[in-house]
Amino acid sequence: MRVLFLIFISISLLACKQQKSMEQSSLIHASDSIELSRSACFGTCPVYSVQVFADGRVLYEGQRNVQNLGKFSANLEEAEAKLFFEELSQLNWTAYPESYPIDNVDFPQFKLVYQNQELQKTIKANSNAAPELIELAKQIDFMLTKLEYTPI
């Protein structure tokens, strides 16, 4: 009897966890997006903007000091996009300020624009930004290296 009770509890907990995951996934819509823009510096900093959508679409525009100059499209694999946007939804976007104090005008700045069905948050940042935002920008940069681009 005790074993049956433990099995029931285990199945119930697993079902709750799975339900929570399904609810979280249902909160993500294909039109949800994150945009990263990197600005110029006195050196040869890359200047570009990229918008990633939850359905995997990627729009990229390289402006200066980048390998791909111009406008391009690409696609993330659906599973990768889903996982990425689930991670994005875990960040407390309303807690971040709209801008961080400029640490050095010679250094590049970046801008993040996160948009979902409930909010749109724009954050102008630099090396003084919250560590998770700096890491997010790096993660997007890394994503860009793995894509196959099509000129548009």
C-alpha atoms as a PDB file:
ATOM      1  CA  MET A   1       0.000   0.000   0.000  1.00  0.00           C
ATOM      2  CA  ARG A   2       2.822   2.354   0.883  1.00  0.00           C
ATOM      3  CA  VAL A   3       4.535   1.627  -2.447  1.00  0.00           C
ATOM      4  CA  LEU A   4       1.329   2.453  -4.339  1.00  0.00           C
ATOM      5  CA  PHE A   5       1.066   5.740  -2.443  1.00  0.00           C
ATOM      6  CA  LEU A   6       4.677   6.667  -3.342  1.00  0.00           C
ATOM      7  CA  ILE A   7       4.067   5.798  -6.994  1.00  0.00           C
ATOM      8  CA  PHE A   8       0.908   7.937  -7.000  1.00  0.00           C
ATOM      9  CA  ILE A   9       2.769  10.891  -5.455  1.00  0.00           C
ATOM     10  CA  SER A  10       5.639  10.527  -7.950  1.00  0.00           C
ATOM     11  CA  ILE A  11       3.272  10.437 -10.917  1.00  0.00           C
ATOM     12  CA  SER A  12       1.340  13.429  -9.555  1.00  0.00           C
ATOM     13  CA  LEU A  13       4.507  15.486  -9.131  1.00  0.00           C
ATOM     14  CA  LEU A  14       5.715  14.560 -12.601  1.00  0.00           C
ATOM     15  CA  ALA A  15       2.343  15.509 -14.092  1.00  0.00           C
ATOM     16  CA  CYS A  16       2.421  18.865 -12.296  1.00  0.00           C
ATOM     17  CA  LYS A  17       5.943  19.562 -13.555  1.00  0.00           C
ATOM     18  CA  GLN A  18       4.955  18.578 -17.094  1.00  0.00           C
ATOM     19  CA  GLN A  19       1.801  20.739 -16.882  1.00  0.00           C
ATOM     20  CA  LYS A  20       3.852  23.734 -15.718  1.00  0.00           C
ATOM     21  CA  SER A  21       6.269  23.228 -18.612  1.00  0.00           C
ATOM     22  CA  MET A  22       3.378  23.003 -21.077  1.00  0.00           C
ATOM     23  CA  GLU A  23       1.798  26.151 -19.637  1.00  0.00           C
ATOM     24  CA  GLN A  24       5.102  28.003 -19.945  1.00  0.00           C
ATOM     25  CA  SER A  25       5.499  26.867 -23.561  1.00  0.00           C
ATOM     26  CA  SER A  26       1.973  27.971 -24.376  1.00  0.00           C
ATOM     27  CA  LEU A  27       2.881  31.460 -23.163  1.00  0.00           C
ATOM     28  CA  ILE A  28       5.472  31.721 -25.927  1.00  0.00           C
ATOM     29  CA  HIS A  29       4.071  32.888 -29.267  1.00  0.00           C
ATOM     30  CA  ALA A  30       5.702  32.732 -32.698  1.00  0.00           C
ATOM     31  CA  SER A  31       5.756  36.535 -32.820  1.00  0.00           C
ATOM     32  CA  ASP A  32       7.695  36.906 -29.548  1.00  0.00           C
ATOM     33  CA  SER A  33      11.122  38.332 -30.297  1.00  0.00           C
ATOM     34  CA  ILE A  34      14.429  39.545 -28.974  1.00  0.00           C
ATOM     35  CA  GLU A  35      16.495  42.129 -30.800  1.00  0.00           C
ATOM     36  CA  LEU A  36      20.162  42.862 -30.214  1.00  0.00           C
ATOM     37  CA  SER A  37      21.843  45.929 -31.697  1.00  0.00           C
ATOM     38  CA  ARG A  38      25.522  46.639 -31.252  1.00  0.00           C
ATOM     39  CA  SER A  39      26.859  50.174 -31.720  1.00  0.00           C
ATOM     40  CA  ALA A  40      30.143  51.571 -32.993  1.00  0.00           C
ATOM     41  CA  CYS A  41      33.247  52.376 -30.984  1.00  0.00           C
ATOM     42  CA  PHE A  42      36.499  54.212 -31.777  1.00  0.00           C
ATOM     43  CA  GLY A  43      37.997  50.930 -32.957  1.00  0.00           C
ATOM     44  CA  THR A  44      36.696  48.241 -35.273  1.00  0.00           C
ATOM     45  CA  CYS A  45      33.745  47.062 -33.212  1.00  0.00           C
ATOM     46  CA  PRO A  46      31.101  45.132 -35.141  1.00  0.00           C
ATOM     47  CA  VAL A  47      27.985  47.191 -35.848  1.00  0.00           C
ATOM     48  CA  TYR A  48      24.861  45.167 -36.558  1.00  0.00           C
ATOM     49  CA  SER A  49      21.352  44.375 -35.435  1.00  0.00           C
ATOM     50  CA  VAL A  50      19.633  41.022 -35.255  1.00  0.00           C
ATOM     51  CA  GLN A  51      16.072  40.092 -34.411  1.00  0.00           C
ATOM     52  CA  VAL A  52      15.273  36.529 -33.366  1.00  0.00           C
ATOM     53  CA  PHE A  53      11.676  35.317 -33.315  1.00  0.00           C
ATOM     54  CA  ALA A  54      10.297  32.484 -31.204  1.00  0.00           C
ATOM     55  CA  ASP A  55       9.366  30.532 -34.339  1.00  0.00           C
ATOM     56  CA  GLY A  56      13.066  30.452 -35.305  1.00  0.00           C
ATOM     57  CA  ARG A  57      13.112  33.239 -37.893  1.00  0.00           C
ATOM     58  CA  VAL A  58      16.175  35.482 -37.731  1.00  0.00           C
ATOM     59  CA  LEU A  59      16.595  38.860 -39.421  1.00  0.00           C
ATOM     60  CA  TYR A  60      20.111  40.277 -39.494  1.00  0.00           C
ATOM     61  CA  GLU A  61      21.563  43.542 -40.746  1.00  0.00           C
ATOM     62  CA  GLY A  62      25.318  43.969 -40.762  1.00  0.00           C
ATOM     63  CA  GLN A  63      26.448  47.597 -41.014  1.00  0.00           C
ATOM     64  CA  ARG A  64      30.183  47.809 -40.256  1.00  0.00           C
ATOM     65  CA  ASN A  65      33.105  45.603 -39.297  1.00  0.00           C
ATOM     66  CA  VAL A  66      31.164  42.363 -39.787  1.00  0.00           C
ATOM     67  CA  GLN A  67      31.551  39.451 -42.182  1.00  0.00           C
ATOM     68  CA  ASN A  68      28.005  39.777 -43.554  1.00  0.00           C
ATOM     69  CA  LEU A  69      27.265  43.326 -44.677  1.00  0.00           C
ATOM     70  CA  GLY A  70      23.660  44.058 -45.598  1.00  0.00           C
ATOM     71  CA  LYS A  71      20.337  42.409 -44.789  1.00  0.00           C
ATOM     72  CA  PHE A  72      19.976  38.671 -44.353  1.00  0.00           C
ATOM     73  CA  SER A  73      17.533  36.111 -43.075  1.00  0.00           C
ATOM     74  CA  ALA A  74      18.237  32.798 -41.398  1.00  0.00           C
ATOM     75  CA  ASN A  75      16.487  30.181 -39.304  1.00  0.00           C
ATOM     76  CA  LEU A  76      17.164  28.561 -35.981  1.00  0.00           C
ATOM     77  CA  GLU A  77      16.044  25.008 -35.454  1.00  0.00           C
ATOM     78  CA  GLU A  78      12.608  24.961 -33.847  1.00  0.00           C
ATOM     79  CA  ALA A  79      13.777  23.138 -30.714  1.00  0.00           C
ATOM     80  CA  GLU A  80      16.667  25.575 -30.206  1.00  0.00           C
ATOM     81  CA  ALA A  81      14.373  28.583 -30.641  1.00  0.00           C
ATOM     82  CA  LYS A  82      11.830  27.149 -28.216  1.00  0.00           C
ATOM     83  CA  LEU A  83      14.455  26.465 -25.561  1.00  0.00           C
ATOM     84  CA  PHE A  84      16.005  29.908 -26.046  1.00  0.00           C
ATOM     85  CA  PHE A  85      12.657  31.684 -25.624  1.00  0.00           C
ATOM     86  CA  GLU A  86      11.781  29.591 -22.591  1.00  0.00           C
ATOM     87  CA  GLU A  87      15.045  30.822 -21.046  1.00  0.00           C
ATOM     88  CA  LEU A  88      14.202  34.416 -22.029  1.00  0.00           C
ATOM     89  CA  SER A  89      10.803  34.155 -20.382  1.00  0.00           C
ATOM     90  CA  GLN A  90      12.503  33.279 -17.091  1.00  0.00           C
ATOM     91  CA  LEU A  91      14.265  36.662 -16.886  1.00  0.00           C
ATOM     92  CA  ASN A  92      12.535  39.337 -14.816  1.00  0.00           C
ATOM     93  CA  TRP A  93      12.412  41.907 -17.623  1.00  0.00           C
ATOM     94  CA  THR A  94      10.493  44.503 -15.618  1.00  0.00           C
ATOM     95  CA  ALA A  95      13.254  44.615 -12.999  1.00  0.00           C
ATOM     96  CA  TYR A  96      15.918  45.875 -15.422  1.00  0.00           C
ATOM     97  CA  PRO A  97      16.367  49.624 -15.910  1.00  0.00           C
ATOM     98  CA  GLU A  98      15.808  51.059 -19.376  1.00  0.00           C
ATOM     99  CA  SER A  99      19.442  52.119 -19.552  1.00  0.00           C
ATOM    100  CA  TYR A 100      22.667  51.608 -17.678  1.00  0.00           C
ATOM    101  CA  PRO A 101      25.123  54.457 -17.022  1.00  0.00           C
ATOM    102  CA  ILE A 102      27.663  54.714 -19.829  1.00  0.00           C
ATOM    103  CA  ASP A 103      30.919  53.275 -18.553  1.00  0.00           C
ATOM    104  CA  ASN A 104      33.110  54.680 -21.341  1.00  0.00           C
ATOM    105  CA  VAL A 105      31.940  56.574 -24.417  1.00  0.00           C
ATOM    106  CA  ASP A 106      34.730  54.949 -26.473  1.00  0.00           C
ATOM    107  CA  PHE A 107      33.333  51.467 -25.785  1.00  0.00           C
ATOM    108  CA  PRO A 108      30.499  49.910 -27.788  1.00  0.00           C
ATOM    109  CA  GLN A 109      27.021  49.885 -26.349  1.00  0.00           C
ATOM    110  CA  PHE A 110      24.293  47.382 -27.028  1.00  0.00           C
ATOM    111  CA  LYS A 111      20.528  47.510 -27.017  1.00  0.00           C
ATOM    112  CA  LEU A 112      18.143  44.675 -26.276  1.00  0.00           C
ATOM    113  CA  VAL A 113      14.471  44.807 -27.172  1.00  0.00           C
ATOM    114  CA  TYR A 114      12.409  41.945 -25.777  1.00  0.00           C
ATOM    115  CA  GLN A 115       8.825  41.655 -26.891  1.00  0.00           C
ATOM    116  CA  ASN A 116       6.144  39.151 -26.038  1.00  0.00           C
ATOM    117  CA  GLN A 117       2.358  39.206 -25.820  1.00  0.00           C
ATOM    118  CA  GLU A 118       2.453  41.019 -22.479  1.00  0.00           C
ATOM    119  CA  LEU A 119       5.313  43.483 -22.665  1.00  0.00           C
ATOM    120  CA  GLN A 120       7.925  45.239 -24.722  1.00  0.00           C
ATOM    121  CA  LYS A 121      11.127  46.121 -22.903  1.00  0.00           C
ATOM    122  CA  THR A 122      14.013  48.124 -24.352  1.00  0.00           C
ATOM    123  CA  ILE A 123      17.321  48.155 -22.488  1.00  0.00           C
ATOM    124  CA  LYS A 124      20.360  50.207 -23.490  1.00  0.00           C
ATOM    125  CA  ALA A 125      23.382  48.603 -21.930  1.00  0.00           C
ATOM    126  CA  ASN A 126      27.141  48.243 -21.773  1.00  0.00           C
ATOM    127  CA  SER A 127      29.635  46.494 -19.535  1.00  0.00           C
ATOM    128  CA  ASN A 128      27.775  47.894 -16.490  1.00  0.00           C
ATOM    129  CA  ALA A 129      24.654  45.903 -17.370  1.00  0.00           C
ATOM    130  CA  ALA A 130      23.337  43.033 -15.297  1.00  0.00           C
ATOM    131  CA  PRO A 131      25.557  39.970 -15.857  1.00  0.00           C
ATOM    132  CA  GLU A 132      22.676  37.925 -17.273  1.00  0.00           C
ATOM    133  CA  LEU A 133      22.033  40.608 -19.938  1.00  0.00           C
ATOM    134  CA  ILE A 134      25.693  40.634 -20.950  1.00  0.00           C
ATOM    135  CA  GLU A 135      25.589  36.851 -21.128  1.00  0.00           C
ATOM    136  CA  LEU A 136      22.385  36.990 -23.194  1.00  0.00           C
ATOM    137  CA  ALA A 137      24.061  39.309 -25.715  1.00  0.00           C
ATOM    138  CA  LYS A 138      27.019  36.914 -25.921  1.00  0.00           C
ATOM    139  CA  GLN A 139      24.652  33.978 -26.384  1.00  0.00           C
ATOM    140  CA  ILE A 140      22.950  35.750 -29.299  1.00  0.00           C
ATOM    141  CA  ASP A 141      26.377  36.564 -30.790  1.00  0.00           C
ATOM    142  CA  PHE A 142      27.293  32.874 -30.595  1.00  0.00           C
ATOM    143  CA  MET A 143      23.985  31.868 -32.182  1.00  0.00           C
ATOM    144  CA  LEU A 144      24.819  34.105 -35.142  1.00  0.00           C
ATOM    145  CA  THR A 145      28.002  32.171 -35.888  1.00  0.00           C
ATOM    146  CA  LYS A 146      26.063  28.938 -36.480  1.00  0.00           C
ATOM    147  CA  LEU A 147      23.492  30.272 -38.951  1.00  0.00           C
ATOM    148  CA  GLU A 148      23.335  30.012 -42.721  1.00  0.00           C
ATOM    149  CA  TYR A 149      22.328  33.392 -44.116  1.00  0.00           C
ATOM    150  CA  THR A 150      20.251  34.208 -47.167  1.00  0.00           C
ATOM    151  CA  PRO A 151      20.496  37.762 -48.556  1.00  0.00           C
ATOM    152  CA  ILE A 152      17.216  39.684 -48.603  1.00  0.00           C
END
